[in-house]
Amino acid sequence: MHEGRAAGREGRGGLRRACEADIEQFCAADQTGRDRRQCLESHMDKLSNDCKTAIEARKNHRRDKGGDDKTDNGSE
């Protein structure tokens, strides 16, 4: 599989899967997209290692693609 495709999938559904328990513990149920990521990032020191890894992978993928979280439409 192409490495870029794997990183893209990790950035989308992978983040939600890796951070599911952390999202339930720290974030409001109705938060999505950028709001959810901001919530997770604000609790970075308390997150599981898998969640931290997924957040960093998403940041790196977006940076490599020249993406900007400000344009996120919330469709994680």
N, C-alpha and C. Protein backbone atom coordinates (compact mmCIF):
# COMPACT_ATOMS: atom_id res chain seq x y z
N MET A 1 0.85 -1.18 0.00
CA MET A 1 0.00 0.00 0.00
C MET A 1 0.89 1.24 0.00
N HIS A 2 0.43 2.26 -0.62
CA HIS A 2 1.16 3.53 -0.69
C HIS A 2 1.14 4.21 0.67
N GLU A 3 2.30 4.68 1.12
CA GLU A 3 2.44 5.27 2.45
C GLU A 3 1.53 6.48 2.64
N GLY A 4 1.39 7.33 1.65
CA GLY A 4 0.55 8.52 1.76
C GLY A 4 -0.91 8.17 1.98
N ARG A 5 -1.37 7.11 1.34
CA ARG A 5 -2.75 6.68 1.53
C ARG A 5 -2.98 6.19 2.94
N ALA A 6 -2.02 5.46 3.47
CA ALA A 6 -2.15 4.97 4.85
C ALA A 6 -2.22 6.14 5.83
N ALA A 7 -1.39 7.13 5.63
CA ALA A 7 -1.39 8.30 6.51
C ALA A 7 -2.71 9.05 6.40
N GLY A 8 -3.27 9.12 5.22
CA GLY A 8 -4.55 9.79 5.03
C GLY A 8 -5.67 9.11 5.78
N ARG A 9 -5.68 7.78 5.73
CA ARG A 9 -6.71 7.05 6.46
C ARG A 9 -6.52 7.19 7.95
N GLU A 10 -5.28 7.16 8.41
CA GLU A 10 -5.02 7.34 9.84
C GLU A 10 -5.52 8.71 10.28
N GLY A 11 -5.37 9.71 9.43
CA GLY A 11 -5.78 11.05 9.76
C GLY A 11 -7.27 11.23 9.86
N ARG A 12 -8.02 10.41 9.15
CA ARG A 12 -9.47 10.55 9.18
C ARG A 12 -10.06 9.61 10.22
N GLY A 13 -10.54 8.45 9.83
CA GLY A 13 -11.17 7.52 10.75
C GLY A 13 -10.21 6.97 11.79
N GLY A 14 -8.92 6.93 11.47
CA GLY A 14 -7.94 6.39 12.40
C GLY A 14 -7.86 7.20 13.67
N LEU A 15 -7.96 8.50 13.56
CA LEU A 15 -7.91 9.36 14.74
C LEU A 15 -9.10 9.06 15.63
N ARG A 16 -10.26 8.94 15.06
CA ARG A 16 -11.46 8.67 15.85
C ARG A 16 -11.36 7.31 16.53
N ARG A 17 -10.86 6.30 15.80
CA ARG A 17 -10.71 4.96 16.40
C ARG A 17 -9.66 4.97 17.51
N ALA A 18 -8.52 5.57 17.25
CA ALA A 18 -7.43 5.57 18.23
C ALA A 18 -7.79 6.38 19.47
N CYS A 19 -8.65 7.37 19.32
CA CYS A 19 -8.96 8.29 20.42
C CYS A 19 -10.36 8.10 20.99
N GLU A 20 -11.03 7.02 20.61
CA GLU A 20 -12.43 6.85 21.01
C GLU A 20 -12.63 7.01 22.52
N ALA A 21 -11.86 6.30 23.32
CA ALA A 21 -12.02 6.38 24.79
C ALA A 21 -11.67 7.78 25.30
N ASP A 22 -10.63 8.38 24.70
CA ASP A 22 -10.22 9.73 25.11
C ASP A 22 -11.30 10.76 24.77
N ILE A 23 -11.91 10.60 23.61
CA ILE A 23 -12.98 11.51 23.20
C ILE A 23 -14.15 11.41 24.18
N GLU A 24 -14.52 10.18 24.53
CA GLU A 24 -15.63 9.98 25.47
C GLU A 24 -15.31 10.58 26.84
N GLN A 25 -14.05 10.49 27.25
CA GLN A 25 -13.67 10.96 28.58
C GLN A 25 -13.53 12.48 28.64
N PHE A 26 -12.96 13.10 27.61
CA PHE A 26 -12.59 14.51 27.70
C PHE A 26 -13.43 15.48 26.87
N CYS A 27 -14.16 14.99 25.88
CA CYS A 27 -14.83 15.90 24.94
C CYS A 27 -16.34 15.74 24.98
N ALA A 28 -17.04 16.79 24.60
CA ALA A 28 -18.49 16.76 24.54
C ALA A 28 -18.94 15.85 23.40
N ALA A 29 -20.05 15.17 23.61
CA ALA A 29 -20.55 14.20 22.63
C ALA A 29 -20.86 14.83 21.27
N ASP A 30 -21.22 16.10 21.26
CA ASP A 30 -21.60 16.74 20.00
C ASP A 30 -20.43 17.40 19.27
N GLN A 31 -19.22 17.29 19.82
CA GLN A 31 -18.07 17.89 19.15
C GLN A 31 -17.65 17.03 17.96
N THR A 32 -17.33 17.69 16.86
CA THR A 32 -16.86 17.00 15.66
C THR A 32 -15.70 17.77 15.05
N GLY A 33 -15.01 17.12 14.14
CA GLY A 33 -13.99 17.78 13.35
C GLY A 33 -12.98 18.57 14.15
N ARG A 34 -12.82 19.82 13.78
CA ARG A 34 -11.82 20.69 14.39
C ARG A 34 -12.06 20.87 15.89
N ASP A 35 -13.31 21.00 16.31
CA ASP A 35 -13.61 21.16 17.73
C ASP A 35 -13.15 19.94 18.53
N ARG A 36 -13.36 18.76 17.97
CA ARG A 36 -12.93 17.54 18.65
C ARG A 36 -11.41 17.49 18.74
N ARG A 37 -10.73 17.83 17.65
CA ARG A 37 -9.26 17.83 17.68
C ARG A 37 -8.73 18.84 18.69
N GLN A 38 -9.35 20.02 18.74
CA GLN A 38 -8.92 21.03 19.70
C GLN A 38 -9.13 20.54 21.13
N CYS A 39 -10.23 19.87 21.36
CA CYS A 39 -10.50 19.30 22.68
C CYS A 39 -9.41 18.30 23.04
N LEU A 40 -9.11 17.38 22.12
CA LEU A 40 -8.08 16.39 22.39
C LEU A 40 -6.73 17.04 22.64
N GLU A 41 -6.39 18.00 21.81
CA GLU A 41 -5.10 18.67 21.96
C GLU A 41 -5.00 19.42 23.28
N SER A 42 -6.11 19.90 23.80
CA SER A 42 -6.09 20.62 25.07
C SER A 42 -5.88 19.67 26.25
N HIS A 43 -6.05 18.36 26.00
CA HIS A 43 -5.84 17.34 27.04
C HIS A 43 -4.67 16.42 26.67
N MET A 44 -3.77 16.90 25.84
CA MET A 44 -2.70 16.06 25.29
C MET A 44 -1.93 15.30 26.36
N ASP A 45 -1.68 15.92 27.50
CA ASP A 45 -0.89 15.27 28.55
C ASP A 45 -1.63 14.11 29.22
N LYS A 46 -2.94 14.00 28.99
CA LYS A 46 -3.74 12.95 29.61
C LYS A 46 -4.17 11.86 28.63
N LEU A 47 -3.89 12.02 27.34
CA LEU A 47 -4.37 11.10 26.31
C LEU A 47 -3.58 9.81 26.28
N SER A 48 -4.22 8.77 25.75
CA SER A 48 -3.54 7.49 25.56
C SER A 48 -2.44 7.66 24.51
N ASN A 49 -1.45 6.79 24.56
CA ASN A 49 -0.35 6.85 23.59
C ASN A 49 -0.86 6.68 22.16
N ASP A 50 -1.82 5.78 21.94
CA ASP A 50 -2.36 5.57 20.59
C ASP A 50 -3.02 6.84 20.07
N CYS A 51 -3.72 7.53 20.93
CA CYS A 51 -4.38 8.76 20.52
C CYS A 51 -3.36 9.84 20.20
N LYS A 52 -2.36 9.99 21.05
CA LYS A 52 -1.30 10.98 20.79
C LYS A 52 -0.62 10.71 19.45
N THR A 53 -0.34 9.44 19.19
CA THR A 53 0.31 9.06 17.93
C THR A 53 -0.58 9.41 16.74
N ALA A 54 -1.88 9.14 16.85
CA ALA A 54 -2.81 9.44 15.76
C ALA A 54 -2.92 10.94 15.51
N ILE A 55 -2.93 11.74 16.57
CA ILE A 55 -2.99 13.20 16.43
C ILE A 55 -1.74 13.70 15.72
N GLU A 56 -0.59 13.22 16.14
CA GLU A 56 0.67 13.65 15.50
C GLU A 56 0.71 13.21 14.04
N ALA A 57 0.24 12.00 13.74
CA ALA A 57 0.22 11.52 12.36
C ALA A 57 -0.67 12.40 11.50
N ARG A 58 -1.80 12.81 12.05
CA ARG A 58 -2.72 13.67 11.29
C ARG A 58 -2.08 15.04 11.04
N LYS A 59 -1.45 15.59 12.08
CA LYS A 59 -0.78 16.89 11.91
C LYS A 59 0.30 16.79 10.84
N ASN A 60 1.12 15.75 10.90
CA ASN A 60 2.19 15.58 9.94
C ASN A 60 1.66 15.39 8.53
N HIS A 61 0.60 14.62 8.39
CA HIS A 61 0.00 14.39 7.07
C HIS A 61 -0.54 15.70 6.49
N ARG A 62 -1.25 16.46 7.31
CA ARG A 62 -1.81 17.73 6.84
C ARG A 62 -0.71 18.72 6.48
N ARG A 63 0.35 18.73 7.29
CA ARG A 63 1.48 19.63 7.02
C ARG A 63 2.16 19.22 5.71
N ASP A 64 2.35 17.91 5.50
CA ASP A 64 2.99 17.42 4.28
C ASP A 64 2.17 17.76 3.04
N LYS A 65 0.85 17.76 3.17
CA LYS A 65 -0.03 18.08 2.06
C LYS A 65 -0.25 19.58 1.91
N GLY A 66 0.23 20.35 2.86
CA GLY A 66 0.02 21.79 2.83
C GLY A 66 -1.37 22.16 3.31
N GLY A 67 -2.01 21.25 4.05
CA GLY A 67 -3.36 21.49 4.55
C GLY A 67 -3.37 22.45 5.72
N ASP A 68 -4.55 22.94 6.03
CA ASP A 68 -4.71 23.90 7.11
C ASP A 68 -5.97 23.52 7.87
N ASP A 69 -5.86 23.27 9.17
CA ASP A 69 -7.01 22.89 9.96
C ASP A 69 -8.13 23.90 9.89
N LYS A 70 -7.83 25.14 9.57
CA LYS A 70 -8.86 26.17 9.53
C LYS A 70 -9.87 25.92 8.41
N THR A 71 -9.50 25.10 7.44
CA THR A 71 -10.42 24.81 6.34
C THR A 71 -11.15 23.52 6.54
N ASP A 72 -10.99 22.87 7.68
CA ASP A 72 -11.63 21.58 7.95
C ASP A 72 -13.13 21.76 7.98
N ASN A 73 -13.82 20.86 7.33
CA ASN A 73 -15.28 20.94 7.29
C ASN A 73 -15.92 20.07 8.34
N GLY A 74 -15.12 19.47 9.24
CA GLY A 74 -15.69 18.68 10.31
C GLY A 74 -15.97 17.24 9.93
N SER A 75 -15.59 16.81 8.75
CA SER A 75 -15.91 15.46 8.31
C SER A 75 -14.76 14.51 8.57
N GLU A 76 -14.56 14.18 9.81
CA GLU A 76 -13.50 13.26 10.21
C GLU A 76 -13.94 11.86 10.04
